[in-house]
Amino acid sequence: MPASPSTARAINDRLALRLLQQEGPLTAGQLKQLTGLSRPTVADLVDRLTAAGLIAVVGEAGEQRRGPNAKVYGIVADRAHLAALDVRTEGVAVAVADLVGRVLAEASVPIGGDTGTGPAVEQAVALVERVAKEAGADRLHTVCIGAPGLIDPASGELRDSSGLPEWHRRLVAALQERLPEARVSVENETNLAAVAEQRDGAARDRDTFVLLWLGHGTGAAVVLDGALRRGSSGGTGEIGFLPVPGTGALPTATDCEGGFHSLASAAAVLDLATRSGLPPAAGQELSAVGVLRAAAALVGEAVAREAEPAPVGEAVAPGAAPALVGKASVRVTAPAPVVEAATRAAEPAPVGKAAVRETAHAPAAREAAPAAASGPAVRFLDALADRLVVGVASVVAILDPGCVVLGGEVGRAGGAVLAARVRERLARMTPLPTEVRATTLGGGAVLRGALLTARDRAQDELFTRGEAAPRW
């Protein structure tokens, strides 16, 4: 059944607007060429979109022909203004952009853990209002918030999660109250980071991939066939709760300690670096922000130092090779070649002490037997890769995504060096071919993803509605 004239016009209008978003300003002739529509049809849609205030003449193009220059049309960028928020445990970052996603102003503010809920919410809301004013935005059309935690798929609200500040949950309602005309929504931070990686980052050529977020905590975002998958309760990718061997405990419904979080959170990475012989600089703050910065800095330092040869006879630093993570010992098994390789690399166990049998599934076992001649940087990166591959291999076994991106501040600091180590170990653990890539966006992916999501939602509404309306 052919589309009605009104439906056909709406489809053509959206097609033209999407092309103007992707390609930038175009002439009517270029729109005709790219859309395949007839010249009269293109002329009609240009008139409609101009009358609706969605596009305007932004210049002229001197084409190789006689007569006047062709008009160049572009999206009216100030038709709407958008805000993106990256909400962290100890602060918030805000960016305000126009309808095409061009950032006009941005800022961030720390919010201490001892700040009360009301004052914390007020600081965050006041920052949004200040950045909007600096951007020249009288009103905000769409606001997208990226935050850690579970998002209820039915209500779209941030669920109550232990360990997260109460002001996170109160912020959405407060912004909606102060910005009654704005469309305010919240999304899991890792999901937004995946949106950014697929649009602008390491997964631009992938319709199916998994982002493993390595920041203050851990998380994963799953993109299958181009669509972000959230799960029935919104919890897809809560990999911090993944039970893993070697932690001495199991996660609970309210605490991910004992799960993969205990192997790959910023605090765990910082502890591993210290015990591998790469302690943080003296006097660094122990707040969540300080721990994350220190962990990322040490990973970056290890990558930079990896090529330096270790001094002859260098000894393993005291405490650099923990037998296991956590309090209890765990005995695991592995195919004979894996055990034999570990045995060759390990130092002999003291008489009367129980030896730890290594397995591809127990990162702590490899940490217990570093090569004596390796430097701290190599030991640390090897041990970190042993930990990360546990989570990566679990994801690959279930989803077969073909590509895993190591994201967040730690993933960016590790770069291609850490990604290659994880990829090498993964190839020994699974028959499924999988690329392991490093993020190109790092911690900024959350804010970028929130901005892209806000832009998409604003354009979906304005481009679909199409009629003349006031600017936002």
Protein backbone atom coordinates (compact mmCIF):
# COMPACT_ATOMS: atom_id res chain seq x y z
CA MET A 1 0.00 0.00 0.00
CA PRO A 2 1.57 3.30 -1.06
CA ALA A 3 2.21 5.96 1.57
CA SER A 4 -0.25 8.82 1.86
CA PRO A 5 0.92 12.24 0.60
CA SER A 6 1.35 13.51 4.17
CA THR A 7 3.38 10.45 5.17
CA ALA A 8 5.55 10.75 2.07
CA ARG A 9 6.22 14.42 2.84
CA ALA A 10 7.19 13.59 6.43
CA ILE A 11 9.57 10.84 5.26
CA ASN A 12 11.18 13.14 2.70
CA ASP A 13 11.54 15.96 5.23
CA ARG A 14 13.26 13.72 7.78
CA LEU A 15 15.56 12.33 5.10
CA ALA A 16 16.63 15.81 4.07
CA LEU A 17 17.15 16.92 7.67
CA ARG A 18 19.25 13.85 8.47
CA LEU A 19 21.42 14.56 5.44
CA LEU A 20 21.88 18.16 6.53
CA GLN A 21 22.88 16.90 10.00
CA GLN A 22 25.37 14.37 8.62
CA GLU A 23 26.78 16.28 5.66
CA GLY A 24 26.43 19.88 6.79
CA PRO A 25 24.92 22.68 4.66
CA LEU A 26 23.79 21.61 1.16
CA THR A 27 22.29 23.17 -1.93
CA ALA A 28 18.92 22.05 -3.28
CA GLY A 29 20.80 20.40 -6.13
CA GLN A 30 22.93 18.41 -3.71
CA LEU A 31 19.83 17.37 -1.78
CA LYS A 32 18.28 16.19 -5.02
CA GLN A 33 21.37 14.15 -5.83
CA LEU A 34 21.67 12.59 -2.36
CA THR A 35 17.97 11.83 -1.86
CA GLY A 36 17.13 10.77 -5.40
CA LEU A 37 13.99 12.93 -5.24
CA SER A 38 12.77 15.03 -8.14
CA ARG A 39 13.60 18.71 -8.37
CA PRO A 40 9.98 19.83 -7.64
CA THR A 41 9.79 17.52 -4.61
CA VAL A 42 13.06 18.91 -3.23
CA ALA A 43 11.85 22.48 -3.84
CA ASP A 44 8.64 21.73 -1.92
CA LEU A 45 10.42 20.21 1.07
CA VAL A 46 12.91 23.10 1.21
CA ASP A 47 9.98 25.53 1.33
CA ARG A 48 8.25 23.49 4.06
CA LEU A 49 11.33 23.17 6.25
CA THR A 50 12.18 26.85 5.82
CA ALA A 51 8.65 27.87 6.80
CA ALA A 52 8.85 25.60 9.86
CA GLY A 53 12.04 27.34 10.97
CA LEU A 54 14.08 24.14 10.75
CA ILE A 55 16.41 25.20 7.93
CA ALA A 56 17.61 28.54 6.56
CA VAL A 57 19.89 29.90 3.88
CA VAL A 58 23.41 29.96 5.33
CA GLY A 59 25.36 30.97 2.23
CA GLU A 60 25.79 30.58 -1.50
CA ALA A 61 27.69 28.15 -3.68
CA GLY A 62 29.29 29.30 -6.90
CA GLU A 63 28.44 26.42 -9.19
CA GLN A 64 29.94 26.07 -12.66
CA ARG A 65 26.99 27.47 -14.53
CA ARG A 66 25.50 30.75 -15.65
CA GLY A 67 23.01 32.59 -13.50
CA PRO A 68 22.86 33.35 -9.79
CA ASN A 69 24.77 31.26 -7.27
CA ALA A 70 22.89 28.41 -5.65
CA LYS A 71 21.58 28.94 -2.11
CA VAL A 72 23.11 26.75 0.58
CA TYR A 73 20.72 25.50 3.27
CA GLY A 74 21.57 24.41 6.80
CA ILE A 75 19.76 23.39 9.95
CA VAL A 76 18.82 26.32 12.18
CA ALA A 77 21.17 25.39 14.99
CA ASP A 78 19.73 27.78 17.57
CA ARG A 79 16.22 26.42 17.08
CA ALA A 80 16.81 24.38 20.26
CA HIS A 81 19.42 24.07 22.97
CA LEU A 82 20.40 20.85 24.72
CA ALA A 83 22.17 19.99 27.95
CA ALA A 84 24.22 16.91 28.79
CA LEU A 85 25.28 15.91 32.31
CA ASP A 86 27.89 13.42 33.47
CA VAL A 87 27.03 12.72 37.10
CA ARG A 88 29.77 11.06 39.14
CA THR A 89 30.07 10.07 42.78
CA GLU A 90 31.93 13.26 43.67
CA GLY A 91 30.88 15.80 41.08
CA VAL A 92 29.06 16.67 37.89
CA ALA A 93 30.07 17.93 34.43
CA VAL A 94 27.69 19.85 32.16
CA ALA A 95 27.76 20.76 28.47
CA VAL A 96 25.20 22.84 26.57
CA ALA A 97 24.95 22.58 22.80
CA ASP A 98 22.77 23.71 19.91
CA LEU A 99 20.47 21.54 17.82
CA VAL A 100 23.28 20.20 15.63
CA GLY A 101 25.31 19.21 18.69
CA ARG A 102 27.89 21.99 18.65
CA VAL A 103 29.06 22.58 22.23
CA LEU A 104 28.58 26.20 23.25
CA ALA A 105 29.65 26.07 26.90
CA GLU A 106 30.72 23.50 29.46
CA ALA A 107 31.88 23.33 33.06
CA SER A 108 32.17 20.98 36.01
CA VAL A 109 31.97 21.25 39.77
CA PRO A 110 33.13 18.90 42.54
CA ILE A 111 30.56 17.79 45.09
CA GLY A 112 32.11 16.39 48.24
CA GLY A 113 30.90 13.24 49.90
CA ASP A 114 30.04 15.19 53.03
CA THR A 115 27.70 17.54 51.13
CA GLY A 116 24.09 17.08 52.08
CA THR A 117 21.52 15.90 49.54
CA GLY A 118 19.77 19.25 49.22
CA PRO A 119 22.91 21.35 48.79
CA ALA A 120 24.38 18.81 46.35
CA VAL A 121 21.27 18.92 44.17
CA GLU A 122 21.28 22.72 44.28
CA GLN A 123 24.94 22.85 43.20
CA ALA A 124 24.24 20.59 40.22
CA VAL A 125 21.11 22.45 39.12
CA ALA A 126 22.81 25.83 39.53
CA LEU A 127 25.67 24.59 37.33
CA VAL A 128 23.23 23.62 34.57
CA GLU A 129 21.58 27.05 34.73
CA ARG A 130 24.94 28.84 34.70
CA VAL A 131 26.30 26.90 31.72
CA ALA A 132 23.04 27.42 29.82
CA LYS A 133 23.32 31.16 30.43
CA GLU A 134 26.93 31.17 29.25
CA ALA A 135 25.82 29.36 26.10
CA GLY A 136 23.19 32.01 25.40
CA ALA A 137 20.32 29.57 25.86
CA ASP A 138 17.16 31.14 27.26
CA ARG A 139 15.53 27.72 27.49
CA LEU A 140 16.62 24.10 27.25
CA HIS A 141 14.66 21.76 25.02
CA THR A 142 16.22 18.45 26.09
CA VAL A 143 18.41 17.41 29.01
CA CYS A 144 20.12 14.00 29.17
CA ILE A 145 21.82 12.84 32.36
CA GLY A 146 24.40 10.07 32.50
CA ALA A 147 24.69 8.45 35.92
CA PRO A 148 25.96 5.21 37.45
CA GLY A 149 23.34 2.71 38.54
CA LEU A 150 20.30 0.92 37.18
CA ILE A 151 17.63 2.72 35.16
CA ASP A 152 14.12 1.34 35.52
CA PRO A 153 13.00 0.61 31.93
CA ALA A 154 9.33 1.16 32.83
CA SER A 155 9.62 4.51 34.62
CA GLY A 156 12.94 5.72 33.20
CA GLU A 157 14.03 6.61 36.72
CA LEU A 158 17.32 5.90 38.45
CA ARG A 159 16.72 3.04 40.85
CA ASP A 160 17.78 3.24 44.48
CA SER A 161 21.23 1.64 44.67
CA SER A 162 23.35 1.29 47.77
CA GLY A 163 26.67 3.05 47.57
CA LEU A 164 25.42 5.86 45.31
CA PRO A 165 24.68 9.34 46.67
CA GLU A 166 21.02 10.14 47.24
CA TRP A 167 21.39 13.40 45.33
CA HIS A 168 21.80 11.44 42.10
CA ARG A 169 18.19 10.26 42.30
CA ARG A 170 16.87 13.64 43.41
CA LEU A 171 18.58 15.51 40.58
CA VAL A 172 16.19 14.45 37.82
CA ALA A 173 13.11 15.70 39.66
CA ALA A 174 14.88 18.91 40.66
CA LEU A 175 15.89 19.68 37.08
CA GLN A 176 12.38 18.97 35.82
CA GLU A 177 10.98 21.34 38.44
CA ARG A 178 13.41 24.15 37.60
CA LEU A 179 13.18 23.54 33.84
CA PRO A 180 9.48 22.69 33.38
CA GLU A 181 9.56 23.01 29.58
CA ALA A 182 12.58 20.74 29.13
CA ARG A 183 12.48 17.02 28.40
CA VAL A 184 14.67 15.56 31.15
CA SER A 185 15.83 11.93 31.08
CA VAL A 186 18.51 9.81 32.74
CA GLU A 187 20.55 6.97 31.24
CA ASN A 188 23.19 4.61 32.59
CA GLU A 189 26.62 6.16 32.12
CA THR A 190 28.18 3.10 30.46
CA ASN A 191 25.36 2.89 27.94
CA LEU A 192 25.94 6.53 27.00
CA ALA A 193 29.66 5.89 26.66
CA ALA A 194 28.86 3.08 24.22
CA VAL A 195 26.72 5.45 22.15
CA ALA A 196 29.69 7.81 21.92
CA GLU A 197 32.15 5.04 21.05
CA GLN A 198 29.89 3.82 18.24
CA ARG A 199 29.30 7.29 16.79
CA ASP A 200 32.66 8.97 17.34
CA GLY A 201 35.04 6.47 18.90
CA ALA A 202 36.63 3.05 18.67
CA ALA A 203 33.49 1.20 17.51
CA ARG A 204 32.50 3.39 14.56
CA ASP A 205 32.73 0.43 12.19
CA ARG A 206 30.85 -2.00 14.44
CA ASP A 207 27.12 -2.73 14.67
CA THR A 208 27.76 -5.31 17.40
CA PHE A 209 30.23 -4.79 20.23
CA VAL A 210 30.59 -4.62 24.01
CA LEU A 211 32.09 -1.70 25.89
CA LEU A 212 33.86 -2.71 29.11
CA TRP A 213 33.93 0.40 31.28
CA LEU A 214 36.99 0.72 33.51
CA GLY A 215 36.59 3.79 35.67
CA HIS A 216 35.85 4.30 39.35
CA GLY A 217 33.83 1.10 39.07
CA THR A 218 33.20 -1.37 36.29
CA GLY A 219 30.34 -1.81 33.86
CA ALA A 220 29.54 -3.05 30.40
CA ALA A 221 27.29 -1.83 27.61
CA VAL A 222 25.96 -4.23 25.00
CA VAL A 223 25.22 -3.12 21.44
CA LEU A 224 23.75 -5.85 19.21
CA ASP A 225 22.85 -5.22 15.57
CA GLY A 226 23.15 -1.49 16.12
CA ALA A 227 20.78 -1.37 19.10
CA LEU A 228 21.70 -0.74 22.73
CA ARG A 229 20.38 -3.62 24.85
CA ARG A 230 19.21 -2.81 28.39
CA GLY A 231 17.60 -6.07 29.53
CA SER A 232 14.24 -6.70 31.18
CA SER A 233 15.14 -4.79 34.35
CA GLY A 234 17.62 -2.34 32.84
CA GLY A 235 20.59 -4.23 34.26
CA THR A 236 22.33 -5.53 31.17
CA GLY A 237 26.06 -5.07 31.63
CA GLU A 238 26.25 -4.99 35.44
CA ILE A 239 29.50 -6.92 35.15
CA GLY A 240 30.78 -5.71 38.51
CA PHE A 241 28.47 -8.34 40.07
CA LEU A 242 29.94 -11.15 37.94
CA PRO A 243 31.22 -13.85 40.34
CA VAL A 244 34.88 -14.59 39.62
CA PRO A 245 37.43 -16.92 41.20
CA GLY A 246 40.24 -15.53 43.27
CA THR A 247 38.42 -12.80 45.20
CA GLY A 248 37.72 -14.83 48.31
CA ALA A 249 34.05 -13.84 48.43
CA LEU A 250 30.89 -13.56 46.37
CA PRO A 251 28.97 -10.41 45.46
CA THR A 252 25.59 -9.82 47.04
CA ALA A 253 22.39 -8.22 45.82
CA THR A 254 23.49 -4.91 47.33
CA ASP A 255 27.28 -5.04 47.05
CA CYS A 256 29.48 -5.99 44.08
CA GLU A 257 32.57 -6.53 46.27
CA GLY A 258 33.75 -10.08 45.62
CA GLY A 259 32.68 -9.86 41.98
CA PHE A 260 34.57 -8.60 38.93
CA HIS A 261 34.48 -5.17 40.57
CA SER A 262 37.03 -6.45 43.09
CA LEU A 263 39.43 -7.21 40.24
CA ALA A 264 39.03 -4.18 37.99
CA SER A 265 37.69 -1.17 39.90
CA ALA A 266 39.97 1.84 40.24
CA ALA A 267 40.74 0.92 43.85
CA ALA A 268 41.65 -2.65 42.83
CA VAL A 269 43.85 -1.41 39.99
CA LEU A 270 45.60 1.04 42.31
CA ASP A 271 46.22 -1.70 44.88
CA LEU A 272 47.54 -4.05 42.18
CA ALA A 273 49.93 -1.38 40.91
CA THR A 274 51.24 -0.72 44.40
CA ARG A 275 51.85 -4.40 45.07
CA SER A 276 53.49 -4.77 41.66
CA GLY A 277 56.08 -2.16 42.58
CA LEU A 278 54.39 0.97 41.17
CA PRO A 279 53.08 2.90 44.18
CA PRO A 280 51.18 6.17 43.66
CA ALA A 281 52.84 9.48 44.35
CA ALA A 282 53.06 10.30 48.04
CA GLY A 283 50.35 12.52 49.45
CA GLN A 284 47.69 11.80 46.80
CA GLU A 285 44.10 12.18 47.98
CA LEU A 286 42.16 9.02 48.72
CA SER A 287 38.76 10.24 47.51
CA ALA A 288 37.00 8.43 44.68
CA VAL A 289 38.30 11.02 42.23
CA GLY A 290 41.82 10.74 43.62
CA VAL A 291 41.83 6.94 43.44
CA LEU A 292 40.62 6.97 39.84
CA ARG A 293 43.17 9.55 38.78
CA ALA A 294 45.97 7.67 40.51
CA ALA A 295 44.95 4.33 38.98
CA ALA A 296 44.76 5.78 35.46
CA ALA A 297 48.06 7.61 35.94
CA LEU A 298 49.84 4.43 37.05
CA VAL A 299 48.47 2.46 34.11
CA GLY A 300 49.69 5.19 31.78
CA GLU A 301 53.07 5.24 33.52
CA ALA A 302 53.37 1.47 33.17
CA VAL A 303 52.62 1.67 29.46
CA ALA A 304 55.27 4.36 29.04
CA ARG A 305 57.86 2.40 31.02
CA GLU A 306 57.12 -1.01 29.53
CA ALA A 307 59.82 -0.77 26.88
CA GLU A 308 62.49 0.08 29.43
CA PRO A 309 64.65 -2.99 30.18
CA ALA A 310 64.56 -4.19 33.77
CA PRO A 311 67.90 -3.98 35.62
CA VAL A 312 69.78 -7.27 35.81
CA GLY A 313 68.96 -9.11 38.99
CA GLU A 314 65.99 -6.90 39.87
CA ALA A 315 63.99 -8.45 42.64
CA VAL A 316 60.25 -8.53 43.02
CA ALA A 317 59.18 -5.70 45.30
CA PRO A 318 57.92 -6.78 48.71
CA GLY A 319 54.23 -7.49 48.51
CA ALA A 320 54.27 -7.13 44.74
CA ALA A 321 52.91 -10.60 44.08
CA PRO A 322 49.86 -11.36 46.23
CA ALA A 323 48.86 -14.98 46.35
CA LEU A 324 45.21 -14.15 45.95
CA VAL A 325 42.86 -11.18 45.99
CA GLY A 326 40.84 -11.24 49.17
CA LYS A 327 41.10 -13.36 52.31
CA ALA A 328 40.41 -16.93 51.25
CA SER A 329 42.42 -19.21 48.99
CA VAL A 330 40.80 -20.71 45.92
CA ARG A 331 42.08 -23.81 44.13
CA VAL A 332 41.29 -23.98 40.43
CA THR A 333 42.18 -26.20 37.52
CA ALA A 334 43.18 -25.61 33.94
CA PRO A 335 44.31 -27.52 30.87
CA ALA A 336 47.81 -29.00 31.28
CA PRO A 337 49.58 -26.59 28.88
CA VAL A 338 48.36 -23.60 30.87
CA VAL A 339 49.51 -25.10 34.17
CA GLU A 340 52.88 -26.10 32.73
CA ALA A 341 53.49 -22.62 31.34
CA ALA A 342 52.69 -21.10 34.71
CA THR A 343 54.95 -23.57 36.47
CA ARG A 344 57.88 -22.69 34.22
CA ALA A 345 57.40 -18.97 34.91
CA ALA A 346 56.85 -19.27 38.65
CA GLU A 347 59.38 -19.26 41.42
CA PRO A 348 59.45 -22.47 43.51
CA ALA A 349 57.05 -22.46 46.41
CA PRO A 350 58.69 -22.55 49.86
CA VAL A 351 58.91 -25.97 51.46
CA GLY A 352 55.79 -26.77 53.40
CA LYS A 353 53.70 -24.14 51.57
CA ALA A 354 50.89 -25.05 49.21
CA ALA A 355 51.49 -24.12 45.60
CA VAL A 356 48.79 -22.35 43.60
CA ARG A 357 47.84 -24.06 40.36
CA GLU A 358 47.32 -21.46 37.61
CA THR A 359 44.33 -21.31 35.37
CA ALA A 360 43.29 -19.06 32.53
CA HIS A 361 40.26 -18.26 34.69
CA ALA A 362 42.16 -17.20 37.84
CA PRO A 363 43.99 -13.90 37.42
CA ALA A 364 45.38 -14.03 40.92
CA ALA A 365 47.30 -17.21 40.12
CA ARG A 366 49.34 -15.50 37.42
CA GLU A 367 49.90 -12.54 39.77
CA ALA A 368 51.39 -15.01 42.26
CA ALA A 369 54.15 -16.08 39.88
CA PRO A 370 55.75 -13.17 38.03
CA ALA A 371 58.99 -13.69 36.20
CA ALA A 372 61.74 -12.49 38.51
CA ALA A 373 63.49 -10.61 35.73
CA SER A 374 60.45 -8.58 34.65
CA GLY A 375 60.18 -4.94 35.70
CA PRO A 376 57.32 -3.52 37.77
CA ALA A 377 55.60 -2.05 34.71
CA VAL A 378 55.53 -5.36 32.87
CA ARG A 379 54.41 -7.25 35.97
CA PHE A 380 51.62 -4.78 36.58
CA LEU A 381 50.31 -4.72 33.00
CA ASP A 382 50.45 -8.52 32.75
CA ALA A 383 48.61 -8.94 36.03
CA LEU A 384 46.02 -6.34 35.06
CA ALA A 385 45.40 -8.04 31.71
CA ASP A 386 45.01 -11.36 33.52
CA ARG A 387 42.26 -9.80 35.59
CA LEU A 388 40.47 -8.02 32.76
CA VAL A 389 40.36 -11.06 30.49
CA VAL A 390 38.20 -12.85 33.08
CA GLY A 391 35.39 -10.35 32.45
CA VAL A 392 36.04 -10.11 28.73
CA ALA A 393 36.02 -13.88 28.25
CA SER A 394 32.75 -14.19 30.16
CA VAL A 395 31.09 -11.61 27.92
CA VAL A 396 32.46 -13.18 24.76
CA ALA A 397 31.30 -16.67 25.73
CA ILE A 398 27.71 -15.48 26.13
CA LEU A 399 27.33 -12.79 23.46
CA ASP A 400 30.02 -13.43 20.82
CA PRO A 401 30.20 -9.68 20.06
CA GLY A 402 33.27 -9.88 17.83
CA CYS A 403 34.65 -6.70 19.41
CA VAL A 404 35.24 -5.51 22.97
CA VAL A 405 36.27 -1.92 23.68
CA LEU A 406 38.19 -1.19 26.88
CA GLY A 407 36.72 2.14 27.95
CA GLY A 408 36.86 4.61 30.79
CA GLU A 409 39.86 6.38 32.22
CA VAL A 410 41.79 3.17 32.88
CA GLY A 411 41.03 1.76 29.43
CA ARG A 412 42.27 4.92 27.80
CA ALA A 413 45.42 5.01 29.90
CA GLY A 414 46.19 1.40 28.94
CA GLY A 415 45.61 2.12 25.27
CA ALA A 416 46.69 -0.33 22.60
CA VAL A 417 49.31 -1.89 24.89
CA LEU A 418 46.79 -3.12 27.45
CA ALA A 419 44.25 -4.04 24.75
CA ALA A 420 46.85 -6.21 23.00
CA ARG A 421 47.63 -8.05 26.24
CA VAL A 422 43.96 -8.77 26.86
CA ARG A 423 43.47 -9.85 23.24
CA GLU A 424 46.42 -12.27 23.46
CA ARG A 425 45.04 -13.92 26.59
CA LEU A 426 41.52 -14.02 25.21
CA ALA A 427 42.68 -15.87 22.08
CA ARG A 428 43.95 -18.68 24.33
CA MET A 429 40.65 -18.91 26.22
CA THR A 430 37.99 -18.88 23.52
CA PRO A 431 37.52 -20.17 19.96
CA LEU A 432 35.45 -17.09 19.13
CA PRO A 433 37.42 -14.49 17.15
CA THR A 434 37.22 -11.20 19.03
CA GLU A 435 38.95 -7.87 18.60
CA VAL A 436 39.94 -6.00 21.74
CA ARG A 437 40.28 -2.28 21.21
CA ALA A 438 41.13 0.68 23.42
CA THR A 439 38.75 3.59 23.75
CA THR A 440 39.55 6.75 21.86
CA LEU A 441 37.31 8.86 24.10
CA GLY A 442 38.19 7.81 27.65
CA GLY A 443 36.18 9.24 30.52
CA GLY A 444 34.73 11.97 28.30
CA ALA A 445 32.64 9.37 26.49
CA VAL A 446 29.78 9.67 29.01
CA LEU A 447 29.27 13.39 28.46
CA ARG A 448 29.63 12.96 24.70
CA GLY A 449 27.11 10.13 24.69
CA ALA A 450 24.64 12.17 26.75
CA LEU A 451 24.98 15.04 24.29
CA LEU A 452 24.42 12.78 21.27
CA THR A 453 21.38 11.22 22.95
CA ALA A 454 19.91 14.63 23.80
CA ARG A 455 20.47 15.78 20.22
CA ASP A 456 18.79 12.69 18.80
CA ARG A 457 15.76 13.08 21.04
CA ALA A 458 15.37 16.78 20.28
CA GLN A 459 15.71 16.23 16.55
CA ASP A 460 13.29 13.31 16.62
CA GLU A 461 10.64 15.54 18.15
CA LEU A 462 11.30 18.71 16.15
CA PHE A 463 11.94 17.01 12.83
CA THR A 464 8.86 14.82 13.17
CA ARG A 465 6.58 17.63 14.26
CA GLY A 466 7.88 19.93 11.56
CA GLU A 467 5.45 22.78 12.11
CA ALA A 468 6.55 26.28 12.97
CA ALA A 469 7.25 26.54 16.70
CA PRO A 470 9.11 28.85 19.09
CA ARG A 471 12.83 28.47 19.55
CA TRP A 472 14.09 26.54 22.56
